[in-house]
Protein backbone atom coordinates (compact mmCIF):
# COMPACT_ATOMS: atom_id res chain seq x y z
CA MET A 1 -19.32 9.73 -1.62
CA PRO A 2 -19.46 7.75 1.60
CA ASP A 3 -19.94 9.49 4.95
CA ALA A 4 -16.44 10.43 6.13
CA ASP A 5 -17.49 10.07 9.75
CA LYS A 6 -18.06 6.40 9.12
CA PHE A 7 -14.48 5.82 7.96
CA VAL A 8 -11.10 5.43 9.76
CA GLY A 9 -8.44 5.82 7.06
CA ASP A 10 -9.87 4.00 4.04
CA THR A 11 -11.82 1.30 6.07
CA GLU A 12 -15.51 1.54 6.94
CA VAL A 13 -16.14 1.45 10.70
CA PRO A 14 -19.05 -0.60 12.00
CA GLU A 15 -21.97 1.79 13.18
CA MET A 16 -21.52 0.51 16.89
CA ALA A 17 -17.83 1.62 16.89
CA THR A 18 -18.45 5.22 15.83
CA LYS A 19 -19.80 6.08 19.26
CA TYR A 20 -16.39 5.77 20.57
CA ILE A 21 -14.68 8.03 18.04
CA VAL A 22 -13.43 11.45 19.23
CA PRO A 23 -14.58 14.01 16.56
CA GLY A 24 -11.80 16.43 17.25
CA LEU A 25 -9.04 13.87 16.90
CA GLN A 26 -10.79 12.42 13.87
CA ARG A 27 -10.84 15.83 12.22
CA GLY A 28 -7.35 16.56 13.03
CA LEU A 29 -6.24 13.23 11.36
CA GLN A 30 -8.51 14.05 8.37
CA ILE A 31 -6.60 17.27 7.98
CA LEU A 32 -3.25 15.43 7.93
CA ARG A 33 -4.56 12.97 5.39
CA ALA A 34 -5.53 15.81 3.02
CA PHE A 35 -1.83 16.29 2.19
CA ASN A 36 -0.17 14.36 -0.35
CA ARG A 37 2.63 14.55 -2.95
CA ASN A 38 0.41 16.41 -5.42
CA ARG A 39 -1.06 18.65 -2.71
CA THR A 40 1.70 19.86 -0.43
CA GLU A 41 0.28 23.13 0.67
CA ILE A 42 -3.37 23.71 1.98
CA GLY A 43 -5.11 26.58 3.70
CA ALA A 44 -7.62 26.50 6.46
CA PRO A 45 -10.55 27.71 4.32
CA GLU A 46 -10.04 24.97 1.83
CA ILE A 47 -9.88 22.23 4.53
CA ALA A 48 -12.97 23.79 6.19
CA LYS A 49 -14.98 23.46 2.94
CA GLU A 50 -13.88 19.91 2.34
CA LEU A 51 -14.73 18.70 5.93
CA GLY A 52 -17.75 20.86 6.26
CA ILE A 53 -16.83 22.49 9.59
CA PRO A 54 -16.36 26.07 10.62
CA ARG A 55 -13.10 27.78 9.57
CA SER A 56 -12.48 28.76 13.23
CA THR A 57 -12.56 25.12 14.17
CA VAL A 58 -10.18 24.12 11.39
CA PHE A 59 -7.85 26.96 12.18
CA ARG A 60 -7.62 25.87 15.90
CA LEU A 61 -6.95 22.23 14.76
CA MET A 62 -4.28 23.31 12.41
CA GLN A 63 -2.65 25.64 15.05
CA THR A 64 -2.58 22.56 17.37
CA LEU A 65 -0.98 20.39 14.71
CA GLU A 66 1.54 23.01 14.11
CA PHE A 67 2.38 23.27 17.76
CA MET A 68 2.81 19.60 17.87
CA GLY A 69 5.21 19.62 14.82
CA PHE A 70 2.80 17.82 12.46
CA LEU A 71 2.17 20.94 10.29
CA GLY A 72 4.33 24.01 9.43
CA LYS A 73 3.48 27.35 7.96
CA VAL A 74 4.40 28.02 4.40
CA LYS A 75 6.51 31.22 4.26
CA ASN A 76 4.78 34.42 3.19
CA THR A 77 1.34 32.70 2.97
CA ARG A 78 -1.45 31.60 5.30
CA ASP A 79 -1.13 27.98 4.02
CA PHE A 80 0.20 24.95 5.91
CA ARG A 81 2.33 21.93 4.80
CA LEU A 82 3.29 18.75 6.63
CA GLY A 83 5.85 19.11 9.35
CA VAL A 84 8.76 16.69 10.40
CA GLY A 85 6.69 15.22 13.19
CA VAL A 86 4.68 13.23 10.48
CA LEU A 87 7.98 11.94 9.14
CA SER A 88 9.17 10.96 12.53
CA LEU A 89 6.07 9.04 13.18
CA GLY A 90 6.42 7.29 9.82
CA PHE A 91 9.92 6.13 10.52
CA GLU A 92 9.03 4.95 14.06
CA PHE A 93 6.19 2.90 12.55
CA LEU A 94 8.46 1.32 9.99
CA ALA A 95 10.98 0.55 12.71
CA SER A 96 8.32 -1.21 14.79
CA LEU A 97 7.39 -3.66 12.16
CA GLU A 98 9.36 -6.91 12.41
CA VAL A 99 8.83 -7.65 8.74
CA THR A 100 10.69 -4.63 7.54
CA GLU A 101 13.83 -5.65 9.53
CA LEU A 102 13.76 -9.15 8.23
CA ALA A 103 12.88 -8.25 4.74
CA ARG A 104 15.72 -6.01 3.90
CA PRO A 105 18.42 -8.70 3.52
CA VAL A 106 16.04 -10.88 1.73
CA LEU A 107 15.18 -8.22 -0.86
CA GLU A 108 18.78 -7.20 -1.22
CA LYS A 109 19.59 -10.96 -2.18
CA LEU A 110 16.64 -11.03 -4.40
CA ARG A 111 17.78 -7.79 -6.09
CA ASP A 112 21.40 -9.14 -6.41
CA ASP A 113 20.21 -12.60 -7.81
CA THR A 114 17.86 -11.12 -10.45
CA GLY A 115 19.34 -7.67 -11.20
CA TYR A 116 15.95 -6.15 -10.71
CA SER A 117 14.54 -3.79 -8.09
CA ALA A 118 12.70 -5.55 -5.23
CA HIS A 119 10.03 -4.15 -2.90
CA LEU A 120 7.91 -5.13 0.03
CA VAL A 121 4.52 -3.55 0.72
CA ILE A 122 1.85 -3.66 3.40
CA ARG A 123 -1.87 -2.67 3.06
CA ASP A 124 -3.52 0.40 4.49
CA GLY A 125 -7.19 0.31 3.53
CA TRP A 126 -7.47 0.36 -0.22
CA ASP A 127 -3.77 1.37 -0.65
CA VAL A 128 -0.49 -0.49 -0.52
CA VAL A 129 2.34 1.30 1.16
CA PHE A 130 6.05 0.65 0.05
CA VAL A 131 7.92 0.03 3.30
CA VAL A 132 11.18 -1.72 2.05
CA LYS A 133 13.01 -1.17 -1.36
CA ALA A 134 16.18 -2.71 -2.78
CA ALA A 135 16.93 -0.73 -5.90
CA ALA A 136 18.58 -2.24 -8.97
CA LYS A 137 22.07 -1.31 -9.69
CA THR A 138 21.26 -0.54 -13.33
CA THR A 139 20.07 2.37 -15.38
CA PHE A 140 16.56 0.90 -15.17
CA ALA A 141 15.61 1.18 -11.52
CA SER A 142 12.41 1.44 -9.57
CA SER A 143 11.15 5.03 -9.17
CA VAL A 144 8.95 4.33 -6.15
CA ASN A 145 10.23 5.51 -2.74
CA ILE A 146 9.50 4.37 0.93
CA GLY A 147 6.19 5.53 1.73
CA THR A 148 4.68 5.63 -1.74
CA ARG A 149 1.11 4.63 -1.81
CA LEU A 150 -0.57 2.84 -4.74
CA PRO A 151 -4.06 1.60 -5.15
CA ALA A 152 -4.30 -2.06 -4.08
CA HIS A 153 -6.70 -3.24 -6.70
CA GLY A 154 -4.55 -1.44 -9.36
CA THR A 155 -1.39 -3.33 -8.56
CA VAL A 156 -0.39 -7.02 -8.54
CA LEU A 157 1.13 -6.33 -5.15
CA GLY A 158 -2.14 -5.09 -3.86
CA ARG A 159 -3.93 -8.16 -5.25
CA MET A 160 -1.61 -10.42 -3.25
CA LEU A 161 -2.85 -8.80 -0.15
CA LEU A 162 -6.40 -8.50 -1.14
CA ALA A 163 -6.61 -12.12 -2.15
CA ASP A 164 -6.34 -13.12 1.57
CA LEU A 165 -9.42 -11.30 2.46
CA SER A 166 -12.91 -12.94 2.90
CA GLU A 167 -15.87 -11.68 0.87
CA THR A 168 -17.03 -9.63 3.84
CA GLU A 169 -13.53 -8.05 4.52
CA LEU A 170 -13.22 -7.22 0.91
CA LYS A 171 -16.61 -5.36 0.84
CA GLN A 172 -15.46 -3.36 3.94
CA VAL A 173 -12.53 -2.19 1.96
CA TYR A 174 -14.61 -1.27 -1.19
CA PRO A 175 -18.01 -0.55 0.23
CA THR A 176 -19.33 1.12 -2.89
CA GLY A 177 -18.07 -1.64 -5.23
CA LYS A 178 -16.71 0.88 -7.64
CA LEU A 179 -12.94 0.99 -8.39
CA SER A 180 -10.84 3.65 -10.12
CA LYS A 181 -9.25 2.76 -13.41
CA PHE A 182 -5.47 3.12 -13.99
CA SER A 183 -4.97 0.94 -17.08
CA ASP A 184 -6.86 -1.19 -19.52
CA GLN A 185 -6.40 -4.15 -17.10
CA THR A 186 -7.67 -2.49 -14.12
CA PRO A 187 -10.86 -4.02 -12.68
CA THR A 188 -13.48 -1.32 -12.21
CA THR A 189 -16.04 -3.23 -10.12
CA LEU A 190 -15.71 -5.47 -7.03
CA ALA A 191 -17.08 -8.37 -9.09
CA ASP A 192 -14.27 -7.96 -11.66
CA LEU A 193 -11.67 -7.69 -8.80
CA THR A 194 -13.11 -10.77 -7.09
CA LYS A 195 -12.71 -12.81 -10.25
CA LEU A 196 -8.97 -11.86 -10.54
CA LEU A 197 -8.45 -12.62 -6.81
CA ASP A 198 -10.10 -16.11 -7.30
CA ASN A 199 -7.26 -16.85 -9.76
CA ASP A 200 -4.52 -15.29 -7.56
CA ARG A 201 -5.59 -17.02 -4.33
CA PRO A 202 -4.64 -20.66 -5.05
CA ARG A 203 -1.30 -19.61 -6.60
CA GLY A 204 -0.09 -17.05 -4.05
CA TYR A 205 1.64 -15.06 -6.85
CA ALA A 206 0.78 -12.94 -9.82
CA ILE A 207 2.58 -11.84 -12.87
CA SER A 208 1.69 -8.67 -14.74
CA GLU A 209 2.63 -6.88 -17.88
CA ALA A 210 1.69 -3.07 -17.82
CA TYR A 211 -1.02 -3.89 -15.22
CA PHE A 212 -0.48 -0.53 -13.58
CA GLU A 213 2.08 1.37 -15.52
CA SER A 214 2.92 1.01 -19.15
CA GLY A 215 6.18 -0.76 -20.05
CA ILE A 216 6.58 -2.17 -16.49
CA GLY A 217 6.36 -5.76 -15.62
CA SER A 218 6.11 -7.24 -12.19
CA ILE A 219 6.04 -10.56 -10.23
CA ALA A 220 4.53 -10.41 -6.76
CA ALA A 221 4.17 -12.99 -4.15
CA GLN A 222 2.61 -13.17 -0.73
CA VAL A 223 4.34 -13.16 2.62
CA ARG A 224 2.55 -14.84 5.59
CA ASP A 225 3.46 -14.98 9.35
CA SER A 226 2.66 -17.33 12.21
CA SER A 227 -1.02 -16.28 12.00
CA GLN A 228 -1.25 -17.96 8.50
CA ARG A 229 -2.55 -14.58 7.18
CA VAL A 230 -0.89 -12.56 4.44
CA ILE A 231 0.79 -9.58 6.09
CA ALA A 232 2.88 -8.26 3.24
CA ALA A 233 3.75 -8.82 -0.40
CA ILE A 234 7.05 -8.63 -2.33
CA ASN A 235 7.87 -8.14 -5.92
CA VAL A 236 10.51 -7.49 -8.55
CA THR A 237 9.98 -5.01 -11.37
CA TYR A 238 11.42 -5.08 -14.83
CA GLN A 239 11.21 -3.37 -18.13
CA ASP A 240 8.57 -5.15 -20.18
CA GLY A 241 9.82 -6.76 -23.31
CA THR A 242 13.41 -7.16 -22.20
CA ILE A 243 13.09 -10.66 -20.74
CA GLU A 244 11.63 -13.81 -22.36
CA HIS A 245 8.31 -15.02 -21.03
CA ALA A 246 9.79 -18.43 -20.41
CA ASP A 247 12.38 -16.73 -18.06
CA VAL A 248 9.63 -14.59 -16.31
CA GLU A 249 7.61 -17.69 -15.66
CA GLY A 250 10.54 -19.78 -14.81
CA LYS A 251 13.62 -18.74 -12.95
CA LEU A 252 12.56 -15.24 -12.27
CA LEU A 253 9.31 -16.37 -10.62
CA ASP A 254 11.10 -19.12 -8.75
CA ARG A 255 13.48 -16.52 -7.25
CA VAL A 256 10.63 -14.35 -6.13
CA LEU A 257 8.70 -17.25 -4.65
CA LEU A 258 11.89 -18.50 -2.89
CA ALA A 259 12.26 -15.06 -1.30
CA ALA A 260 8.76 -14.88 -0.16
CA SER A 261 9.01 -18.35 1.27
CA GLU A 262 12.26 -17.45 3.11
CA LEU A 263 10.75 -14.33 4.60
CA SER A 264 7.58 -16.14 5.65
CA GLN A 265 9.60 -18.73 7.36
CA GLN A 266 11.55 -16.22 9.29
CA LEU A 267 8.19 -14.86 10.40
CA ASN A 268 7.32 -18.41 11.68
CA TYR A 269 4.89 -19.36 8.99
CA HIS A 270 4.54 -23.05 8.34
CA PRO A 271 2.82 -23.83 5.11
CA GLY A 272 1.60 -27.27 5.96
CA GLY A 273 2.23 -28.92 2.62
CA GLU A 274 1.00 -26.22 0.33
CA VAL A 275 1.93 -26.85 -3.37
CA ARG A 276 2.77 -24.22 -5.98
CA GLN A 277 0.26 -24.17 -8.69
CA THR A 278 1.17 -22.90 -12.19
CA GLY A 279 -0.93 -21.61 -15.09
């Protein structure tokens, strides 16, 4: 396991930069990151053991986070859970992203044109985070919610974002070179992932069948801004086996690429004569 003090979020920090990190603040944020949808209640002793710091220190940190509204006490226990302050920060962050405001009508049109749920994600370390969703108006609709995090290497949405990284940047995201497996198609080494990204990069899109979840197909495409870098990715999801391959690689793919292009143009991206490649 890499040294936690050398990481901010899921990204390794250069050694020179670590001297500017405030340990107390870092530990407080590590406490907040320990909570997730499968781990909603945690006590100070448990956190102290994980972070390798005294219980008294952890208790003071959690008391401070509670005072600030980022943690709350679980009734009739000594455990804590996330407070509404975290939610407020999340909404403020989403509201500050220009791409989310511009993406909503684009995704809603994509959803209406295709009949399938459409999403926009950004990358946070080795995860993608869903920030906009246009749910399908059918019985088969996407189960992900705003704020859902999925492994970037295990999803075609994530591959769209990772494909824009240099070799050095990719190694910073995955310093150990080992990747978790989520399906038979998931790359488990950085070398395997790099091969996939080498194929994704010239196309700017990817099509998957059960790449992350059995029975779910997805078409994902890159979104760029004026910096020419990929800042987000969009997709549609559909029930695998309910649509012909020709339609997936034809009109459905065209609609996704059109939506990605429209959003990129609104973000002042100018492609400079890029040509769609098939295959």
